[in-house]
Protein backbone atom coordinates (compact mmCIF):
# COMPACT_ATOMS: atom_id res chain seq x y z
CA UNK A 1 17.08 -13.42 9.38
CA UNK A 2 16.76 -10.87 12.60
CA UNK A 3 14.30 -8.79 14.27
CA UNK A 4 11.64 -6.60 13.68
CA UNK A 5 11.94 -3.16 15.56
CA UNK A 6 8.67 -4.48 17.80
CA UNK A 7 10.17 -7.22 18.72
CA UNK A 8 13.27 -5.77 19.62
CA UNK A 9 10.88 -4.06 22.51
CA UNK A 10 9.04 -6.91 23.53
CA UNK A 11 12.63 -8.69 24.19
CA UNK A 12 14.48 -5.42 25.26
CA UNK A 13 12.21 -2.59 26.13
CA UNK A 14 10.68 -3.00 29.84
CA UNK A 15 10.69 0.39 31.32
CA UNK A 16 8.65 2.05 27.86
CA UNK A 17 7.19 -0.66 25.80
CA UNK A 18 5.43 1.53 24.59
CA UNK A 19 7.77 3.72 22.68
CA UNK A 20 7.95 1.56 19.68
CA UNK A 21 3.98 2.01 18.56
CA UNK A 22 5.13 5.62 19.04
CA UNK A 23 8.48 4.86 15.75
CA UNK A 24 6.70 2.79 13.70
CA UNK A 25 3.10 4.76 13.62
CA UNK A 26 4.32 6.60 10.63
CA UNK A 27 7.08 4.66 9.05
CA UNK A 28 5.85 2.19 8.33
CA UNK A 29 8.59 0.70 6.50
CA UNK A 30 11.25 1.36 9.32
CA UNK A 31 8.74 -1.24 11.21
CA UNK A 32 9.10 -4.62 8.66
CA UNK A 33 13.18 -3.87 8.42
CA UNK A 34 14.68 -6.93 10.72
CA UNK A 35 17.65 -5.52 13.25
CA UNK A 36 20.66 -7.65 13.87
CA UNK A 37 22.99 -6.69 17.16
CA UNK A 38 26.90 -5.32 15.93
CA UNK A 39 29.41 -6.75 16.42
CA UNK A 40 31.35 -4.18 17.88
CA UNK A 41 28.57 -1.65 20.06
CA UNK A 42 28.86 1.27 17.93
CA UNK A 43 29.99 -0.22 14.56
CA UNK A 44 30.48 -3.48 13.20
CA UNK A 45 32.45 -6.18 11.32
CA UNK A 46 31.99 -8.40 8.01
CA UNK A 47 33.06 -9.97 5.47
CA UNK A 48 33.58 -8.98 2.01
CA UNK A 49 33.52 -12.68 -0.79
CA UNK A 50 34.51 -11.12 -3.73
CA UNK A 51 35.86 -14.28 -5.00
CA UNK A 52 34.95 -18.14 -5.09
CA UNK A 53 36.99 -20.60 -6.91
CA UNK A 54 34.16 -24.17 -6.11
CA UNK A 55 34.83 -27.74 -6.65
CA UNK A 56 34.86 -28.87 -10.35
CA UNK A 57 34.51 -32.22 -11.89
CA UNK A 58 37.54 -34.27 -12.47
CA UNK A 59 38.36 -37.17 -14.11
CA UNK A 60 38.85 -40.84 -11.35
CA UNK A 61 42.25 -40.83 -10.05
CA UNK A 62 43.13 -36.86 -11.07
CA UNK A 63 44.50 -33.75 -8.33
CA UNK A 64 41.42 -32.22 -7.49
CA UNK A 65 41.32 -28.09 -8.22
CA UNK A 66 42.16 -25.97 -4.75
CA UNK A 67 39.08 -23.72 -3.25
CA UNK A 68 38.87 -21.00 -2.15
CA UNK A 69 37.25 -17.98 -0.66
CA UNK A 70 38.42 -14.68 -1.18
CA UNK A 71 37.10 -12.04 1.15
CA UNK A 72 37.61 -8.12 2.71
CA UNK A 73 36.63 -7.32 6.58
CA UNK A 74 33.63 -4.67 6.28
CA UNK A 75 33.59 -2.32 8.77
CA UNK A 76 29.57 0.03 8.77
CA UNK A 77 29.30 2.79 11.62
CA UNK A 78 25.98 3.27 12.80
CA UNK A 79 24.23 6.23 13.25
CA UNK A 80 22.45 8.00 16.01
CA UNK A 81 19.04 9.12 16.48
CA UNK A 82 18.36 11.09 19.26
CA UNK A 83 17.36 14.75 20.24
CA UNK A 84 16.77 17.21 22.73
CA UNK A 85 13.48 18.69 24.16
CA UNK A 86 13.59 21.54 26.88
CA UNK A 87 10.25 23.13 29.15
CA UNK A 88 10.52 25.88 31.07
CA UNK A 89 10.22 26.04 34.16
CA UNK A 90 7.03 28.00 33.80
CA UNK A 91 5.31 25.01 31.63
CA UNK A 92 6.52 22.95 34.03
CA UNK A 93 5.05 24.53 36.86
CA UNK A 94 1.16 24.91 35.20
CA UNK A 95 1.48 20.80 33.48
CA UNK A 96 1.95 19.46 37.41
CA UNK A 97 5.75 18.68 36.81
CA UNK A 98 8.24 17.78 34.22
CA UNK A 99 7.03 14.08 34.04
CA UNK A 100 3.68 15.30 33.14
CA UNK A 101 4.63 17.86 30.97
CA UNK A 102 7.33 15.39 28.28
CA UNK A 103 5.40 12.34 29.18
CA UNK A 104 2.17 14.53 26.95
CA UNK A 105 4.83 15.14 24.34
CA UNK A 106 7.44 12.74 24.70
CA UNK A 107 5.04 10.17 21.96
CA UNK A 108 4.57 13.22 19.25
CA UNK A 109 8.65 13.23 19.13
CA UNK A 110 9.19 10.51 18.71
CA UNK A 111 6.89 9.64 16.17
CA UNK A 112 8.90 12.31 13.74
CA UNK A 113 12.20 10.95 14.48
CA UNK A 114 11.14 7.72 13.33
CA UNK A 115 9.02 9.25 9.76
CA UNK A 116 12.82 11.39 9.68
CA UNK A 117 14.80 7.63 9.92
CA UNK A 118 12.35 5.97 7.84
CA UNK A 119 12.75 9.14 4.49
CA UNK A 120 17.19 8.79 5.25
CA UNK A 121 17.32 4.70 5.13
CA UNK A 122 14.54 5.18 2.09
CA UNK A 123 16.73 8.07 0.34
CA UNK A 124 20.44 7.91 1.82
CA UNK A 125 20.75 3.82 1.72
CA UNK A 126 18.51 2.41 -0.48
CA UNK A 127 17.90 4.56 -2.83
CA UNK A 128 21.19 6.15 -3.04
CA UNK A 129 23.45 2.54 -3.17
CA UNK A 130 21.83 1.33 -6.40
CA UNK A 131 22.09 4.57 -7.92
CA UNK A 132 25.43 4.32 -6.80
CA UNK A 133 25.85 0.85 -7.84
CA UNK A 134 23.69 1.08 -10.88
CA UNK A 135 21.13 -1.45 -9.63
CA UNK A 136 18.25 0.85 -11.06
CA UNK A 137 15.80 1.30 -14.14
CA UNK A 138 14.96 4.15 -15.64
CA UNK A 139 10.76 5.42 -15.96
CA UNK A 140 10.97 8.16 -18.38
CA UNK A 141 10.12 11.24 -16.38
CA UNK A 142 12.35 14.20 -16.97
CA UNK A 143 10.54 16.79 -15.00
CA UNK A 144 10.90 17.78 -11.41
CA UNK A 145 7.30 15.53 -10.11
CA UNK A 146 9.15 11.91 -10.45
CA UNK A 147 8.65 9.02 -7.52
CA UNK A 148 10.61 6.04 -7.02
CA UNK A 149 10.01 1.87 -6.32
CA UNK A 150 12.28 0.15 -4.33
CA UNK A 151 12.89 -3.35 -3.88
CA UNK A 152 14.55 -5.31 -0.65
CA UNK A 153 15.54 -8.67 0.43
CA UNK A 154 16.85 -8.63 3.66
CA UNK A 155 19.39 -11.12 4.01
CA UNK A 156 20.30 -12.26 7.71
CA UNK A 157 24.59 -11.26 8.10
CA UNK A 158 23.79 -9.63 5.02
CA UNK A 159 21.39 -6.65 4.38
CA UNK A 160 19.66 -5.45 7.30
CA UNK A 161 18.89 -3.12 9.92
CA UNK A 162 21.61 -3.22 12.86
CA UNK A 163 20.71 -1.62 16.33
CA UNK A 164 23.94 -1.56 19.24
CA UNK A 165 22.67 -2.80 23.08
CA UNK A 166 23.71 0.86 23.79
CA UNK A 167 20.49 1.45 23.15
CA UNK A 168 18.90 -0.21 25.46
CA UNK A 169 21.20 0.25 29.02
CA UNK A 170 17.53 1.79 30.37
CA UNK A 171 16.26 -1.35 28.73
CA UNK A 172 13.48 1.21 26.71
CA UNK A 173 14.00 1.70 22.57
CA UNK A 174 15.50 4.64 23.14
CA UNK A 175 17.23 5.83 26.12
CA UNK A 176 15.97 9.27 27.75
CA UNK A 177 18.10 10.70 30.18
CA UNK A 178 17.44 14.31 31.77
CA UNK A 179 19.74 17.05 31.07
CA UNK A 180 21.55 18.28 33.69
CA UNK A 181 20.37 15.52 36.20
CA UNK A 182 16.79 17.07 36.26
CA UNK A 183 17.59 20.45 38.11
CA UNK A 184 17.24 24.20 36.10
CA UNK A 185 19.16 25.26 33.45
CA UNK A 186 19.22 27.92 31.35
CA UNK A 187 18.96 27.34 27.81
CA UNK A 188 22.21 27.91 25.55
CA UNK A 189 20.61 28.29 22.48
CA UNK A 190 16.82 27.44 20.40
CA UNK A 191 13.61 28.83 21.29
CA UNK A 192 14.25 28.94 24.74
CA UNK A 193 17.30 30.47 24.65
CA UNK A 194 18.56 32.43 27.67
CA UNK A 195 14.82 30.76 29.74
CA UNK A 196 15.92 28.55 32.63
CA UNK A 197 13.89 25.09 31.69
CA UNK A 198 14.56 21.61 32.14
CA UNK A 199 15.44 19.16 29.22
CA UNK A 200 15.82 15.34 28.27
CA UNK A 201 17.65 13.82 25.63
CA UNK A 202 17.00 10.90 23.54
CA UNK A 203 19.72 8.65 22.00
CA UNK A 204 19.85 5.22 20.25
CA UNK A 205 22.30 3.78 17.53
CA UNK A 206 21.15 2.07 14.30
CA UNK A 207 22.82 1.38 11.21
CA UNK A 208 21.58 0.03 8.01
CA UNK A 209 24.39 -2.72 6.54
CA UNK A 210 24.29 -3.30 2.28
CA UNK A 211 26.31 -6.05 1.82
CA UNK A 212 24.87 -8.59 -1.03
CA UNK A 213 25.04 -7.18 -4.72
CA UNK A 214 21.54 -8.60 -5.09
CA UNK A 215 19.58 -7.03 -2.42
CA UNK A 216 18.50 -3.50 -3.52
CA UNK A 217 18.10 -2.63 -6.52
CA UNK A 218 15.12 1.07 -7.24
CA UNK A 219 12.88 2.28 -10.55
CA UNK A 220 13.85 6.15 -10.48
CA UNK A 221 11.70 8.88 -12.39
CA UNK A 222 8.43 7.79 -12.08
CA UNK A 223 6.13 10.14 -13.04
CA UNK A 224 1.84 9.46 -14.63
CA UNK A 225 2.65 9.98 -17.78
CA UNK A 226 5.74 8.12 -17.21
CA UNK A 227 4.50 4.26 -15.47
CA UNK A 228 6.95 1.63 -15.21
CA UNK A 229 5.78 -1.32 -17.34
CA UNK A 230 5.14 -4.64 -16.01
CA UNK A 231 7.93 -5.56 -17.28
CA UNK A 232 10.00 -3.31 -15.44
CA UNK A 233 8.52 -3.90 -12.10
CA UNK A 234 9.09 -7.62 -13.07
CA UNK A 235 12.23 -7.29 -13.71
CA UNK A 236 13.11 -5.00 -10.64
CA UNK A 237 11.96 -8.16 -8.55
CA UNK A 238 14.04 -10.67 -10.45
CA UNK A 239 17.43 -7.99 -9.71
CA UNK A 240 16.79 -8.68 -6.45
CA UNK A 241 16.28 -12.25 -6.98
CA UNK A 242 13.38 -11.59 -4.50
CA UNK A 243 11.71 -14.80 -2.37
CA UNK A 244 8.57 -13.13 -1.18
CA UNK A 245 9.03 -13.33 2.95
CA UNK A 246 12.10 -11.23 2.43
CA UNK A 247 11.69 -8.98 -0.32
CA UNK A 248 9.79 -5.79 -0.13
CA UNK A 249 8.66 -3.23 -2.44
CA UNK A 250 8.38 -0.28 -1.11
CA UNK A 251 7.13 2.94 -2.75
CA UNK A 252 4.59 6.22 -2.75
CA UNK A 253 1.14 5.05 -1.68
CA UNK A 254 0.22 7.11 -4.72
CA UNK A 255 2.74 5.65 -6.82
CA UNK A 256 1.70 2.42 -5.69
CA UNK A 257 -1.50 3.72 -7.71
CA UNK A 258 -0.21 3.74 -10.77
CA UNK A 259 0.64 0.25 -10.65
CA UNK A 260 -3.17 -0.16 -10.72
CA UNK A 261 -3.52 0.15 -14.46
CA UNK A 262 -2.48 -2.67 -14.79
CA UNK A 263 -4.86 -4.95 -13.00
CA UNK A 264 -7.42 -2.92 -14.36
CA UNK A 265 -6.34 -3.05 -17.80
CA UNK A 266 -6.82 -6.59 -17.38
CA UNK A 267 -10.07 -6.34 -15.36
CA UNK A 268 -13.22 -7.82 -16.35
CA UNK A 269 -17.16 -6.35 -14.76
CA UNK A 270 -19.90 -8.47 -15.49
CA UNK A 271 -22.97 -6.24 -16.05
CA UNK A 272 -24.25 -7.03 -12.59
CA UNK A 273 -20.70 -6.00 -11.04
CA UNK A 274 -20.64 -3.06 -9.02
CA UNK A 275 -17.66 -2.46 -7.05
CA UNK A 276 -14.07 -1.91 -9.77
CA UNK A 277 -11.56 -3.22 -7.31
CA UNK A 278 -8.33 -2.39 -9.26
CA UNK A 279 -5.86 -2.57 -5.74
CA UNK A 280 -2.86 -4.72 -5.47
CA UNK A 281 -1.24 -5.07 -2.82
CA UNK A 282 1.58 -8.25 -3.72
CA UNK A 283 3.08 -8.09 -7.09
CA UNK A 284 4.00 -12.11 -7.47
CA UNK A 285 3.87 -12.66 -4.30
CA UNK A 286 6.19 -9.67 -2.66
CA UNK A 287 5.02 -7.46 -0.59
CA UNK A 288 3.80 -4.09 -1.40
CA UNK A 289 4.37 -1.69 1.66
CA UNK A 290 3.50 2.27 1.40
CA UNK A 291 5.12 5.38 3.09
CA UNK A 292 4.43 9.03 2.92
CA UNK A 293 7.95 9.35 4.01
CA UNK A 294 8.95 9.06 0.12
CA UNK A 295 8.54 12.60 -1.40
CA UNK A 296 5.18 12.95 -2.68
CA UNK A 297 5.96 13.10 -6.23
CA UNK A 298 8.62 16.26 -6.41
CA UNK A 299 11.64 14.34 -6.50
CA UNK A 300 14.19 15.40 -8.62
CA UNK A 301 14.63 13.42 -12.71
CA UNK A 302 18.08 11.42 -12.32
CA UNK A 303 20.35 11.10 -15.21
CA UNK A 304 21.29 7.79 -15.97
C-alpha cells in the first residue's frame, strides 16, 4: 500500500515539512488516501485486466486447459494542484519584506488548496466514477437537499492516489517558486492589475486512479426524510468488498449523524443513565471519515 501525504512529506519534504499539515488540516479524507508514485512522472501507466482464464480440474493424464490473462494498457494523467499569490510593493514594505508576507499568507492558501483538492476527488473522481458505472444505490430523496455516502477500498497498484516526484524537486510537498526571479513586475490581471508586485507560484502534481471495479461505490439522494437503511450500508460495503483498514466510508458530518438513528433505535438506557451516546465511528469495522468539503445538504437529486 502507498504512503499518506504526511508520510510522503516526512520522506521528501526537507525544506517545508509543515506544508502537509496546512494542506490536510481541513481535508481529513485527503489525509488518509494512500499515494503511490506515478510511473512516468506526469502520468501513470497500468494494466487493466479484462479477462482471466484460470486453471481447471482434469482427469489423470488428461491434457491441461490453457490459462491466460487478457489486459489493456491504461493511462491516467496527473493534475496540477497550484496557484499564484502576489504581494504589492508597498504591502511588502509594510510587512518587512516578501518573506514575512508570504510566510504569513501561504498556510491559509495551502489549507484552502487542500480543501479544493479534496472536494474535487470526492465529486469528480470517486462519486462520478460510481455514478458512471452504476455502483450506486438510491436512498430515495427527490429534492435538491441531498447528501452522498461513499465507500472506497484502496488497493495497491489499482485504486489509490498518484503523485509525481516532480512535486518534490524543491524538497517540499508543494513546489514554491518566485515569479520573475523574485523581482518586481507589473501584475497583468486580478485584483492587483497594473500594480508593481512580487509573486510566488505553488505547484504539485497529483492524481487519483480507480482501476478496480469493486473498490468504489456510493449511496446518493440521502436526506432527513430518506435515510439509507442498515441493509443499504451493509450492501455498500459488500459492493467494494470492504476490508477494515483499507476501506473507508466517506461522508459529510451531518450525513453521519443520520446514521445515528440505527444505533439509537437499539439503545437501552437504564433508569439512572445520564448519557445517551448515539455516536458512530465505524460500521462493521470500517472507519467513517467525515469532511465538510462534501456539500452540506444541497446536492441535487440524482436520477438513476
